[in-house]
C-alpha atoms as a PDB file:
ATOM      1  CA  MET A   1       0.000   0.000   0.000  1.00  0.00           C
ATOM      2  CA  ALA A   2       1.208   3.505  -0.807  1.00  0.00           C
ATOM      3  CA  THR A   3       2.399   5.835   1.932  1.00  0.00           C
ATOM      4  CA  MET A   4      -0.223   8.429   2.790  1.00  0.00           C
ATOM      5  CA  THR A   5       0.050  11.565   0.649  1.00  0.00           C
ATOM      6  CA  ARG A   6       1.028  14.638   2.658  1.00  0.00           C
ATOM      7  CA  LEU A   7      -1.015  17.838   2.473  1.00  0.00           C
ATOM      8  CA  SER A   8       0.981  21.075   2.245  1.00  0.00           C
ATOM      9  CA  ILE A   9      -1.062  24.261   2.506  1.00  0.00           C
ATOM     10  CA  ASN A  10      -0.105  27.194   0.291  1.00  0.00           C
ATOM     11  CA  LEU A  11      -0.820  30.389   2.251  1.00  0.00           C
ATOM     12  CA  ASN A  12      -0.270  32.867  -0.589  1.00  0.00           C
ATOM     13  CA  LYS A  13      -3.947  33.840  -0.749  1.00  0.00           C
ATOM     14  CA  ILE A  14      -3.881  34.902   2.900  1.00  0.00           C
ATOM     15  CA  ALA A  15      -1.177  37.376   1.922  1.00  0.00           C
ATOM     16  CA  VAL A  16      -3.242  38.558  -1.066  1.00  0.00           C
ATOM     17  CA  LEU A  17      -6.142  39.458   1.223  1.00  0.00           C
ATOM     18  CA  ARG A  18      -3.826  41.224   3.651  1.00  0.00           C
ATOM     19  CA  ASN A  19      -2.065  43.176   0.921  1.00  0.00           C
ATOM     20  CA  SER A  20      -5.361  44.304  -0.632  1.00  0.00           C
ATOM     21  CA  ARG A  21      -6.124  46.334   2.492  1.00  0.00           C
ATOM     22  CA  GLY A  22      -2.717  46.945   4.006  1.00  0.00           C
ATOM     23  CA  GLY A  23      -1.874  46.318   7.623  1.00  0.00           C
ATOM     24  CA  THR A  24      -1.563  42.857   9.123  1.00  0.00           C
ATOM     25  CA  ARG A  25      -4.976  41.213   8.706  1.00  0.00           C
ATOM     26  CA  PRO A  26      -5.576  38.445   7.921  1.00  0.00           C
ATOM     27  CA  ASP A  27      -2.505  37.387   9.855  1.00  0.00           C
ATOM     28  CA  MET A  28      -0.178  34.921   8.161  1.00  0.00           C
ATOM     29  CA  MET A  29       1.076  33.530  11.451  1.00  0.00           C
ATOM     30  CA  GLN A  30      -2.435  32.848  12.735  1.00  0.00           C
ATOM     31  CA  ALA A  31      -3.327  31.139   9.467  1.00  0.00           C
ATOM     32  CA  ALA A  32      -0.255  28.908   9.751  1.00  0.00           C
ATOM     33  CA  GLU A  33      -1.057  28.010  13.352  1.00  0.00           C
ATOM     34  CA  THR A  34      -4.639  27.184  12.371  1.00  0.00           C
ATOM     35  CA  VAL A  35      -3.776  24.840   9.514  1.00  0.00           C
ATOM     36  CA  LEU A  36      -1.100  23.104  11.565  1.00  0.00           C
ATOM     37  CA  ALA A  37      -3.512  22.560  14.437  1.00  0.00           C
ATOM     38  CA  ALA A  38      -5.971  21.050  11.942  1.00  0.00           C
ATOM     39  CA  GLY A  39      -3.380  18.502  10.816  1.00  0.00           C
ATOM     40  CA  ALA A  40      -1.675  20.001   7.758  1.00  0.00           C
ATOM     41  CA  GLN A  41       1.652  18.281   7.116  1.00  0.00           C
ATOM     42  CA  GLY A  42       3.379  21.180   5.426  1.00  0.00           C
ATOM     43  CA  ILE A  43       3.356  24.902   4.672  1.00  0.00           C
ATOM     44  CA  THR A  44       4.080  26.175   1.163  1.00  0.00           C
ATOM     45  CA  LEU A  45       4.920  29.755   0.195  1.00  0.00           C
ATOM     46  CA  HIS A  46       5.581  31.062  -3.302  1.00  0.00           C
ATOM     47  CA  PRO A  47       7.261  34.476  -3.060  1.00  0.00           C
ATOM     48  CA  ARG A  48       7.511  36.510  -6.261  1.00  0.00           C
ATOM     49  CA  PRO A  49       9.788  39.439  -7.101  1.00  0.00           C
ATOM     50  CA  ASP A  50       6.793  41.784  -7.620  1.00  0.00           C
ATOM     51  CA  LEU A  51       5.630  41.119  -4.017  1.00  0.00           C
ATOM     52  CA  ARG A  52       2.071  40.541  -5.213  1.00  0.00           C
ATOM     53  CA  HIS A  53       1.344  38.294  -2.236  1.00  0.00           C
ATOM     54  CA  VAL A  54       3.923  36.620   0.013  1.00  0.00           C
ATOM     55  CA  ARG A  55       6.846  38.869   0.903  1.00  0.00           C
ATOM     56  CA  PRO A  56      10.354  37.979   2.049  1.00  0.00           C
ATOM     57  CA  ALA A  57       9.426  39.044   5.585  1.00  0.00           C
ATOM     58  CA  ASP A  58       6.621  36.461   5.521  1.00  0.00           C
ATOM     59  CA  VAL A  59       9.033  33.757   4.408  1.00  0.00           C
ATOM     60  CA  ARG A  60      11.321  34.530   7.339  1.00  0.00           C
ATOM     61  CA  ALA A  61       8.521  34.814   9.894  1.00  0.00           C
ATOM     62  CA  LEU A  62       6.815  31.583   8.801  1.00  0.00           C
ATOM     63  CA  SER A  63      10.141  29.778   9.008  1.00  0.00           C
ATOM     64  CA  ALA A  64      10.200  30.455  12.742  1.00  0.00           C
ATOM     65  CA  VAL A  65       6.596  29.261  13.118  1.00  0.00           C
ATOM     66  CA  VAL A  66       7.048  25.933  11.313  1.00  0.00           C
ATOM     67  CA  SER A  67      10.587  25.117  12.445  1.00  0.00           C
ATOM     68  CA  GLY A  68      10.680  21.657  13.985  1.00  0.00           C
ATOM     69  CA  ARG A  69       6.932  21.205  13.532  1.00  0.00           C
ATOM     70  CA  THR A  70       6.283  20.459   9.882  1.00  0.00           C
ATOM     71  CA  GLU A  71       7.751  20.606   6.392  1.00  0.00           C
ATOM     72  CA  TYR A  72       8.435  24.004   4.870  1.00  0.00           C
ATOM     73  CA  ASN A  73       8.338  24.279   1.066  1.00  0.00           C
ATOM     74  CA  LEU A  74       9.423  27.398  -0.823  1.00  0.00           C
ATOM     75  CA  GLU A  75       8.392  27.689  -4.471  1.00  0.00           C
ATOM     76  CA  GLY A  76       9.611  30.082  -7.087  1.00  0.00           C
ATOM     77  CA  ASN A  77      11.702  30.864 -10.111  1.00  0.00           C
ATOM     78  CA  PRO A  78      15.409  30.476  -9.306  1.00  0.00           C
ATOM     79  CA  PHE A  79      16.319  32.562 -12.367  1.00  0.00           C
ATOM     80  CA  ALA A  80      14.288  35.652 -11.434  1.00  0.00           C
ATOM     81  CA  PRO A  81      16.790  38.329 -10.360  1.00  0.00           C
ATOM     82  CA  ALA A  82      16.743  40.115  -7.021  1.00  0.00           C
ATOM     83  CA  ARG A  83      14.576  43.229  -6.968  1.00  0.00           C
ATOM     84  CA  GLY A  84      14.022  45.706  -4.153  1.00  0.00           C
ATOM     85  CA  GLU A  85      13.371  43.782  -0.937  1.00  0.00           C
ATOM     86  CA  TYR A  86      13.186  40.490  -2.852  1.00  0.00           C
ATOM     87  CA  PRO A  87      16.682  38.979  -2.600  1.00  0.00           C
ATOM     88  CA  GLY A  88      16.085  36.133  -5.060  1.00  0.00           C
ATOM     89  CA  LEU A  89      14.740  32.649  -4.397  1.00  0.00           C
ATOM     90  CA  LEU A  90      18.078  30.997  -3.689  1.00  0.00           C
ATOM     91  CA  ALA A  91      19.070  33.726  -1.243  1.00  0.00           C
ATOM     92  CA  LEU A  92      15.786  33.303   0.633  1.00  0.00           C
ATOM     93  CA  ILE A  93      16.230  29.548   0.712  1.00  0.00           C
ATOM     94  CA  ASP A  94      19.758  29.969   2.026  1.00  0.00           C
ATOM     95  CA  GLU A  95      18.413  32.164   4.837  1.00  0.00           C
ATOM     96  CA  VAL A  96      15.596  29.934   6.058  1.00  0.00           C
ATOM     97  CA  ARG A  97      16.693  26.451   4.895  1.00  0.00           C
ATOM     98  CA  PRO A  98      13.284  24.907   4.157  1.00  0.00           C
ATOM     99  CA  GLN A  99      12.984  21.159   3.831  1.00  0.00           C
ATOM    100  CA  GLN A 100      12.002  21.490   0.166  1.00  0.00           C
ATOM    101  CA  ALA A 101      12.501  23.944  -2.686  1.00  0.00           C
ATOM    102  CA  THR A 102      10.152  23.687  -5.674  1.00  0.00           C
ATOM    103  CA  LEU A 103      11.516  25.304  -8.818  1.00  0.00           C
ATOM    104  CA  VAL A 104       8.868  26.907 -11.041  1.00  0.00           C
ATOM    105  CA  PRO A 105       9.449  28.795 -14.338  1.00  0.00           C
ATOM    106  CA  ASP A 106       7.006  31.623 -13.623  1.00  0.00           C
ATOM    107  CA  SER A 107       7.247  35.285 -14.570  1.00  0.00           C
ATOM    108  CA  ASP A 108       5.639  38.573 -13.568  1.00  0.00           C
ATOM    109  CA  ALA A 109       3.329  38.298 -16.574  1.00  0.00           C
ATOM    110  CA  GLN A 110       1.740  35.112 -15.265  1.00  0.00           C
ATOM    111  CA  ILE A 111      -1.213  35.518 -12.932  1.00  0.00           C
ATOM    112  CA  THR A 112      -0.397  32.054 -11.633  1.00  0.00           C
ATOM    113  CA  SER A 113       1.982  29.260 -12.578  1.00  0.00           C
ATOM    114  CA  ASP A 114       0.812  27.788 -15.871  1.00  0.00           C
ATOM    115  CA  HIS A 115       3.575  25.466 -17.084  1.00  0.00           C
ATOM    116  CA  GLY A 116       6.569  23.505 -15.894  1.00  0.00           C
ATOM    117  CA  PHE A 117      10.207  23.120 -16.811  1.00  0.00           C
ATOM    118  CA  ASP A 118      11.105  20.876 -19.744  1.00  0.00           C
ATOM    119  CA  LEU A 119      13.703  18.560 -18.226  1.00  0.00           C
ATOM    120  CA  GLY A 120      14.844  17.470 -21.667  1.00  0.00           C
ATOM    121  CA  ARG A 121      15.669  21.068 -22.577  1.00  0.00           C
ATOM    122  CA  ASP A 122      16.358  22.887 -19.295  1.00  0.00           C
ATOM    123  CA  ILE A 123      18.588  20.382 -17.525  1.00  0.00           C
ATOM    124  CA  GLU A 124      21.884  22.213 -18.106  1.00  0.00           C
ATOM    125  CA  ARG A 125      20.395  25.458 -16.867  1.00  0.00           C
ATOM    126  CA  LEU A 126      19.022  23.792 -13.750  1.00  0.00           C
ATOM    127  CA  ALA A 127      22.210  21.896 -12.872  1.00  0.00           C
ATOM    128  CA  PRO A 128      24.080  24.700 -11.031  1.00  0.00           C
ATOM    129  CA  VAL A 129      20.900  25.694  -9.175  1.00  0.00           C
ATOM    130  CA  CYS A 130      20.401  22.126  -7.983  1.00  0.00           C
ATOM    131  CA  ALA A 131      24.029  21.942  -6.922  1.00  0.00           C
ATOM    132  CA  GLN A 132      23.562  25.029  -4.737  1.00  0.00           C
ATOM    133  CA  LEU A 133      20.417  23.606  -3.171  1.00  0.00           C
ATOM    134  CA  GLN A 134      22.146  20.288  -2.504  1.00  0.00           C
ATOM    135  CA  ARG A 135      24.913  22.114  -0.661  1.00  0.00           C
ATOM    136  CA  MET A 136      22.208  23.770   1.481  1.00  0.00           C
ATOM    137  CA  GLY A 137      20.739  20.376   2.344  1.00  0.00           C
ATOM    138  CA  VAL A 138      17.380  21.175   0.745  1.00  0.00           C
ATOM    139  CA  ARG A 139      15.265  18.623  -1.143  1.00  0.00           C
ATOM    140  CA  VAL A 140      14.840  19.736  -4.767  1.00  0.00           C
ATOM    141  CA  SER A 141      11.504  19.444  -6.569  1.00  0.00           C
ATOM    142  CA  VAL A 142      10.911  20.756 -10.091  1.00  0.00           C
ATOM    143  CA  PHE A 143       7.541  21.749 -11.553  1.00  0.00           C
ATOM    144  CA  VAL A 144       6.844  19.802 -14.779  1.00  0.00           C
ATOM    145  CA  ASP A 145       3.939  19.474 -17.187  1.00  0.00           C
ATOM    146  CA  ALA A 146       1.697  16.435 -17.083  1.00  0.00           C
ATOM    147  CA  GLY A 147       2.652  14.204 -19.993  1.00  0.00           C
ATOM    148  CA  SER A 148       6.363  15.026 -19.714  1.00  0.00           C
ATOM    149  CA  VAL A 149       8.574  11.935 -19.829  1.00  0.00           C
ATOM    150  CA  ARG A 150      11.951  13.277 -21.042  1.00  0.00           C
ATOM    151  CA  GLY A 151      15.049  13.993 -19.015  1.00  0.00           C
ATOM    152  CA  PHE A 152      14.108  12.379 -15.717  1.00  0.00           C
ATOM    153  CA  GLN A 153      17.242  10.262 -15.349  1.00  0.00           C
ATOM    154  CA  ALA A 154      19.347  13.331 -16.115  1.00  0.00           C
ATOM    155  CA  ALA A 155      17.310  15.201 -13.515  1.00  0.00           C
ATOM    156  CA  ARG A 156      18.181  12.584 -10.938  1.00  0.00           C
ATOM    157  CA  ASP A 157      21.828  12.807 -11.944  1.00  0.00           C
ATOM    158  CA  ILE A 158      22.004  16.574 -11.232  1.00  0.00           C
ATOM    159  CA  GLY A 159      20.406  16.236  -7.793  1.00  0.00           C
ATOM    160  CA  ILE A 160      16.701  16.701  -8.416  1.00  0.00           C
ATOM    161  CA  ASP A 161      14.804  14.602  -5.859  1.00  0.00           C
ATOM    162  CA  ARG A 162      11.200  15.034  -6.976  1.00  0.00           C
ATOM    163  CA  VAL A 163       9.034  16.438  -9.717  1.00  0.00           C
ATOM    164  CA  GLU A 164       5.791  18.260  -9.045  1.00  0.00           C
ATOM    165  CA  ILE A 165       3.183  17.543 -11.701  1.00  0.00           C
ATOM    166  CA  TYR A 166       1.323  20.650 -12.864  1.00  0.00           C
ATOM    167  CA  THR A 167      -2.294  19.517 -12.432  1.00  0.00           C
ATOM    168  CA  GLY A 168      -4.035  22.576 -13.896  1.00  0.00           C
ATOM    169  CA  PRO A 169      -5.025  20.770 -17.134  1.00  0.00           C
ATOM    170  CA  TYR A 170      -6.287  17.790 -15.129  1.00  0.00           C
ATOM    171  CA  ALA A 171      -8.441  20.057 -12.952  1.00  0.00           C
ATOM    172  CA  ALA A 172      -9.872  21.795 -16.027  1.00  0.00           C
ATOM    173  CA  ALA A 173     -10.641  18.464 -17.696  1.00  0.00           C
ATOM    174  CA  PHE A 174     -12.249  17.153 -14.508  1.00  0.00           C
ATOM    175  CA  PHE A 175     -14.488  20.223 -14.343  1.00  0.00           C
ATOM    176  CA  ALA A 176     -15.458  19.677 -17.999  1.00  0.00           C
ATOM    177  CA  GLY A 177     -16.399  16.084 -17.219  1.00  0.00           C
ATOM    178  CA  ASN A 178     -13.706  14.297 -19.261  1.00  0.00           C
ATOM    179  CA  PRO A 179     -10.601  13.901 -17.071  1.00  0.00           C
ATOM    180  CA  GLN A 180      -9.287  10.544 -18.319  1.00  0.00           C
ATOM    181  CA  HIS A 181      -6.828  11.809 -20.938  1.00  0.00           C
ATOM    182  CA  ALA A 182      -5.396  14.372 -18.518  1.00  0.00           C
ATOM    183  CA  LEU A 183      -5.230  11.728 -15.803  1.00  0.00           C
ATOM    184  CA  ASP A 184      -3.330   9.459 -18.202  1.00  0.00           C
ATOM    185  CA  ASP A 185      -0.840  12.277 -18.777  1.00  0.00           C
ATOM    186  CA  CYS A 186      -0.300  12.574 -15.028  1.00  0.00           C
ATOM    187  CA  LYS A 187       0.223   8.813 -14.828  1.00  0.00           C
ATOM    188  CA  ALA A 188       2.757   8.832 -17.675  1.00  0.00           C
ATOM    189  CA  THR A 189       4.799  11.533 -15.978  1.00  0.00           C
ATOM    190  CA  SER A 190       4.669   9.900 -12.566  1.00  0.00           C
ATOM    191  CA  GLU A 191       5.708   6.515 -13.968  1.00  0.00           C
ATOM    192  CA  ALA A 192       8.655   8.038 -15.855  1.00  0.00           C
ATOM    193  CA  ALA A 193       9.729   9.841 -12.684  1.00  0.00           C
ATOM    194  CA  TRP A 194       9.462   6.734 -10.513  1.00  0.00           C
ATOM    195  CA  ARG A 195      11.469   4.697 -13.029  1.00  0.00           C
ATOM    196  CA  ALA A 196      14.240   7.271 -12.704  1.00  0.00           C
ATOM    197  CA  GLY A 197      14.132   7.067  -8.911  1.00  0.00           C
ATOM    198  CA  LEU A 198      12.382  10.422  -8.408  1.00  0.00           C
ATOM    199  CA  GLY A 199       9.575  11.137  -5.982  1.00  0.00           C
ATOM    200  CA  VAL A 200       6.376  12.727  -7.265  1.00  0.00           C
ATOM    201  CA  ASN A 201       4.421  15.688  -5.900  1.00  0.00           C
ATOM    202  CA  ALA A 202       1.374  17.319  -7.488  1.00  0.00           C
ATOM    203  CA  GLY A 203      -0.256  20.711  -7.375  1.00  0.00           C
ATOM    204  CA  HIS A 204      -2.350  23.404  -9.011  1.00  0.00           C
ATOM    205  CA  ASP A 205      -6.129  23.775  -9.001  1.00  0.00           C
ATOM    206  CA  LEU A 206      -6.615  20.653  -6.918  1.00  0.00           C
ATOM    207  CA  ASP A 207      -9.776  20.743  -4.810  1.00  0.00           C
ATOM    208  CA  GLN A 208     -12.075  18.494  -2.803  1.00  0.00           C
ATOM    209  CA  ALA A 209     -13.901  17.366  -5.944  1.00  0.00           C
ATOM    210  CA  ASN A 210     -10.930  16.316  -8.090  1.00  0.00           C
ATOM    211  CA  LEU A 211      -8.272  15.369  -5.541  1.00  0.00           C
ATOM    212  CA  GLY A 212      -9.658  11.947  -4.659  1.00  0.00           C
ATOM    213  CA  GLU A 213      -9.717  10.691  -8.245  1.00  0.00           C
ATOM    214  CA  LEU A 214      -6.138  11.846  -8.812  1.00  0.00           C
ATOM    215  CA  LEU A 215      -4.871  10.061  -5.695  1.00  0.00           C
ATOM    216  CA  ALA A 216      -6.868   6.925  -6.423  1.00  0.00           C
ATOM    217  CA  ALA A 217      -5.097   6.738  -9.788  1.00  0.00           C
ATOM    218  CA  LEU A 218      -1.679   7.806  -8.456  1.00  0.00           C
ATOM    219  CA  PRO A 219      -1.573   6.670  -4.814  1.00  0.00           C
ATOM    220  CA  ASP A 220       2.213   7.046  -4.580  1.00  0.00           C
ATOM    221  CA  ILE A 221       2.108  10.848  -4.861  1.00  0.00           C
ATOM    222  CA  ALA A 222       4.209  12.004  -1.924  1.00  0.00           C
ATOM    223  CA  GLU A 223       2.695  15.461  -1.441  1.00  0.00           C
ATOM    224  CA  VAL A 224      -0.011  17.730  -2.783  1.00  0.00           C
ATOM    225  CA  SER A 225       0.288  21.487  -2.412  1.00  0.00           C
ATOM    226  CA  ILE A 226      -3.087  23.243  -2.297  1.00  0.00           C
ATOM    227  CA  GLY A 227      -3.854  26.909  -1.772  1.00  0.00           C
ATOM    228  CA  HIS A 228      -6.388  28.735  -3.918  1.00  0.00           C
ATOM    229  CA  ALA A 229      -9.253  26.226  -3.744  1.00  0.00           C
ATOM    230  CA  LEU A 230      -8.639  25.499  -0.088  1.00  0.00           C
ATOM    231  CA  ILE A 231      -8.872  29.164   0.875  1.00  0.00           C
ATOM    232  CA  ASP A 232     -11.998  29.482  -1.282  1.00  0.00           C
ATOM    233  CA  ASP A 233     -13.591  26.582   0.606  1.00  0.00           C
ATOM    234  CA  ALA A 234     -12.510  28.101   3.910  1.00  0.00           C
ATOM    235  CA  LEU A 235     -14.616  31.214   3.230  1.00  0.00           C
ATOM    236  CA  TYR A 236     -17.678  29.036   3.777  1.00  0.00           C
ATOM    237  CA  ASP A 237     -16.539  26.225   6.083  1.00  0.00           C
ATOM    238  CA  GLY A 238     -13.756  27.862   8.066  1.00  0.00           C
ATOM    239  CA  LEU A 239     -10.038  27.242   7.728  1.00  0.00           C
ATOM    240  CA  ASP A 240      -9.739  24.542  10.401  1.00  0.00           C
ATOM    241  CA  GLN A 241     -12.655  22.479   9.074  1.00  0.00           C
ATOM    242  CA  THR A 242     -11.549  22.868   5.468  1.00  0.00           C
ATOM    243  CA  VAL A 243      -8.093  21.464   6.184  1.00  0.00           C
ATOM    244  CA  ARG A 244      -9.743  18.522   7.944  1.00  0.00           C
ATOM    245  CA  ASN A 245     -12.011  18.019   4.924  1.00  0.00           C
ATOM    246  CA  TYR A 246      -9.046  17.830   2.560  1.00  0.00           C
ATOM    247  CA  LEU A 247      -7.260  15.398   4.858  1.00  0.00           C
ATOM    248  CA  ALA A 248     -10.401  13.243   4.834  1.00  0.00           C
ATOM    249  CA  VAL A 249     -10.412  13.224   1.013  1.00  0.00           C
ATOM    250  CA  ILE A 250      -6.789  12.067   1.022  1.00  0.00           C
ATOM    251  CA  ALA A 251      -7.481   9.353   3.594  1.00  0.00           C
ATOM    252  CA  SER A 252     -10.512   8.134   1.655  1.00  0.00           C
ATOM    253  CA  ALA A 253      -8.530   7.911  -1.596  1.00  0.00           C
ATOM    254  CA  HIS A 254      -5.867   5.830   0.111  1.00  0.00           C
ATOM    255  CA  ARG A 255      -8.453   3.501   1.623  1.00  0.00           C
ATOM    256  CA  ARG A 256      -9.694   2.875  -1.918  1.00  0.00           C
ATOM    257  CA  ASP A 257      -6.137   1.886  -2.858  1.00  0.00           C
ATOM    258  CA  ARG A 258      -5.977  -0.949  -0.305  1.00  0.00           C
END
């Protein structure tokens, strides 16, 4: 039987609400304490150079909150240069030493992450970044598109530990009522990664409706990172209860795998 998939909560949307008004509410630290008390097994933050949501100060403050309690995952583009108070992703990682760094090829023009790295094409560019992260003792995960199967052995060779499957297309197909092709793409990527000795994470647009089917098909997913939909659900059910609901979906999917 597969090991239970871990739930990491992305708190970026809490920062969006705070930034829209200014000040300190809603409070990022209180949100982190709430999701941890509800059973979340990780905290994810995705700082961006334009400071549209999570800021470097949040990354540092949350590091103190989660230290020794749960996994900390920092996402971002390692090639985006420092700007203003944003020191660059690798500099932030070096400061706070999260358990995991997830490398994402996003830009200011993207409202949200919408594609992954091509490991067949980008491997040489990623190699020195992965070497730096290895020296820091941080697990390296790289965001990839569902359906990708190239370059995974080379990824392992340069120190990449996991891939995170971009599940946006799967979520869209699920909503449209025809998820099988997108699910097959996720399976193809996960199988190629596992053959190369890589772990598999998943994230983007996962919610209570589509998460169970994904995990039933891919029970060996190590971690899902969920933010936008979870915070949406929390507007109606409360943050504590919503985290518990997502954990119940994960547990139910794994019971189906027995």
